[in-house]
Amino acid sequence: MPTVIEAECVGCGACADACPQNAITVGDVAVINANACVDCGACIDECPSSAIQ
């Protein structure tokens, strides 16, 4: 499962918009729901701050 580096996340929501499983919620930082994530990597490609690895 992708991991959010909280110090680099700006909470923009680009990852959540890109997620086909709606597995990401965004508050101050993005949070990935491990049970819903299918490891597709769409969030990694969309993150402008490279906060998801």
Protein backbone atom coordinates (compact mmCIF):
# COMPACT_ATOMS: atom_id res chain seq x y z
CA MET A 1 0.00 0.00 0.00
CA PRO A 2 1.27 3.50 -0.75
CA THR A 3 2.41 5.55 2.23
CA VAL A 4 1.82 9.27 2.79
CA ILE A 5 4.82 11.26 4.01
CA GLU A 6 2.94 13.71 6.22
CA ALA A 7 5.72 16.30 6.29
CA GLU A 8 5.56 16.63 2.49
CA CYS A 9 1.76 16.38 2.03
CA VAL A 10 0.07 19.73 1.43
CA GLY A 11 -3.48 18.36 1.65
CA CYS A 12 -4.42 19.43 -1.87
CA GLY A 13 -6.64 16.41 -2.60
CA ALA A 14 -5.19 15.53 -6.00
CA CYS A 15 -4.55 11.99 -4.82
CA ALA A 16 -8.11 11.54 -3.55
CA ASP A 17 -9.51 12.77 -6.86
CA ALA A 18 -7.33 10.27 -8.75
CA CYS A 19 -8.17 7.26 -6.56
CA PRO A 20 -10.56 4.89 -8.37
CA GLN A 21 -11.43 3.14 -5.08
CA ASN A 22 -12.17 6.31 -3.07
CA ALA A 23 -9.65 5.00 -0.54
CA ILE A 24 -8.18 8.41 0.32
CA THR A 25 -9.58 11.09 2.58
CA VAL A 26 -7.93 14.47 2.93
CA GLY A 27 -7.90 16.73 5.96
CA ASP A 28 -4.69 18.45 6.90
CA VAL A 29 -2.94 15.55 5.14
CA ALA A 30 -4.05 12.59 3.02
CA VAL A 31 -5.00 9.35 4.75
CA ILE A 32 -5.15 6.11 2.79
CA ASN A 33 -7.64 3.44 3.86
CA ALA A 34 -5.61 0.22 3.76
CA ASN A 35 -8.73 -1.94 3.42
CA ALA A 36 -9.92 -0.09 0.30
CA CYS A 37 -6.56 0.52 -1.41
CA VAL A 38 -5.77 -1.82 -4.33
CA ASP A 39 -2.18 -0.61 -4.88
CA CYS A 40 -2.90 0.82 -8.33
CA GLY A 41 -0.49 3.77 -7.91
CA ALA A 42 -2.82 6.41 -9.34
CA CYS A 43 -2.32 8.58 -6.26
CA ILE A 44 1.46 8.41 -6.58
CA ASP A 45 1.33 9.71 -10.14
CA GLU A 46 -0.98 12.62 -9.25
CA CYS A 47 0.73 13.93 -6.10
CA PRO A 48 2.33 17.31 -6.89
CA SER A 49 4.56 17.24 -3.80
CA SER A 50 5.74 13.61 -4.15
CA ALA A 51 4.37 12.90 -0.68
CA ILE A 52 3.08 9.43 -1.55
CA GLN A 53 5.48 6.54 -1.97
